[in-house]
């Protein structure tokens, strides 16, 4: 049973090492950097403008 656990952990750490290598190779190049989304903020009307429109 102890031998099985050791083999299990060895395989687990090997998989983690391979995933780490793949991750660093995919996301380390600067020209392939992910683009961030740009959002625009729309200005809200003032309450005075709303009251003038209602009264008109």
Protein backbone atom coordinates (compact mmCIF):
# COMPACT_ATOMS: atom_id res chain seq x y z
CA UNK A 1 0.00 0.00 0.00
CA UNK A 2 2.82 2.41 0.81
CA UNK A 3 4.46 1.63 -2.51
CA UNK A 4 1.19 2.46 -4.30
CA UNK A 5 0.92 5.82 -2.54
CA UNK A 6 4.50 6.69 -3.46
CA UNK A 7 3.83 5.84 -7.11
CA UNK A 8 0.62 7.89 -7.02
CA UNK A 9 2.40 10.96 -5.64
CA UNK A 10 5.27 10.55 -8.10
CA UNK A 11 2.82 10.52 -11.03
CA UNK A 12 0.96 13.49 -9.57
CA UNK A 13 4.11 15.60 -9.26
CA UNK A 14 5.21 14.60 -12.76
CA UNK A 15 1.87 15.77 -14.16
CA UNK A 16 2.10 19.04 -12.26
CA UNK A 17 5.61 19.62 -13.61
CA UNK A 18 4.47 19.00 -17.20
CA UNK A 19 1.47 21.31 -16.78
CA UNK A 20 3.72 24.01 -15.35
CA UNK A 21 6.05 23.74 -18.36
CA UNK A 22 3.13 23.94 -20.79
CA UNK A 23 1.70 26.94 -18.95
CA UNK A 24 4.96 28.87 -18.98
CA UNK A 25 5.55 28.15 -22.67
CA UNK A 26 2.05 29.27 -23.67
CA UNK A 27 1.85 32.49 -21.69
CA UNK A 28 5.43 33.74 -21.43
CA UNK A 29 5.82 35.32 -24.89
CA UNK A 30 5.20 39.08 -24.71
CA UNK A 31 3.86 39.46 -28.28
CA UNK A 32 1.03 37.07 -27.46
CA UNK A 33 -0.03 38.96 -24.36
CA UNK A 34 -3.74 38.91 -23.74
CA UNK A 35 -5.66 42.04 -24.64
CA UNK A 36 -7.67 43.63 -21.87
CA UNK A 37 -11.17 44.84 -22.59
CA UNK A 38 -11.72 48.58 -22.69
CA UNK A 39 -15.02 49.83 -21.38
CA UNK A 40 -16.48 53.28 -21.84
CA UNK A 41 -18.44 54.98 -19.11
CA UNK A 42 -21.48 56.95 -20.16
CA UNK A 43 -22.31 60.04 -18.17
CA UNK A 44 -25.66 60.14 -16.40
CA UNK A 45 -27.99 63.10 -16.79
CA UNK A 46 -28.18 65.52 -13.93
CA UNK A 47 -31.34 65.51 -11.86
CA UNK A 48 -31.97 69.14 -12.87
CA UNK A 49 -32.05 68.15 -16.54
CA UNK A 50 -34.56 65.42 -15.77
CA UNK A 51 -36.81 67.83 -13.86
CA UNK A 52 -36.72 70.38 -16.69
CA UNK A 53 -37.70 67.71 -19.22
CA UNK A 54 -40.62 66.60 -17.05
CA UNK A 55 -41.88 70.17 -16.57
CA UNK A 56 -41.67 70.99 -20.30
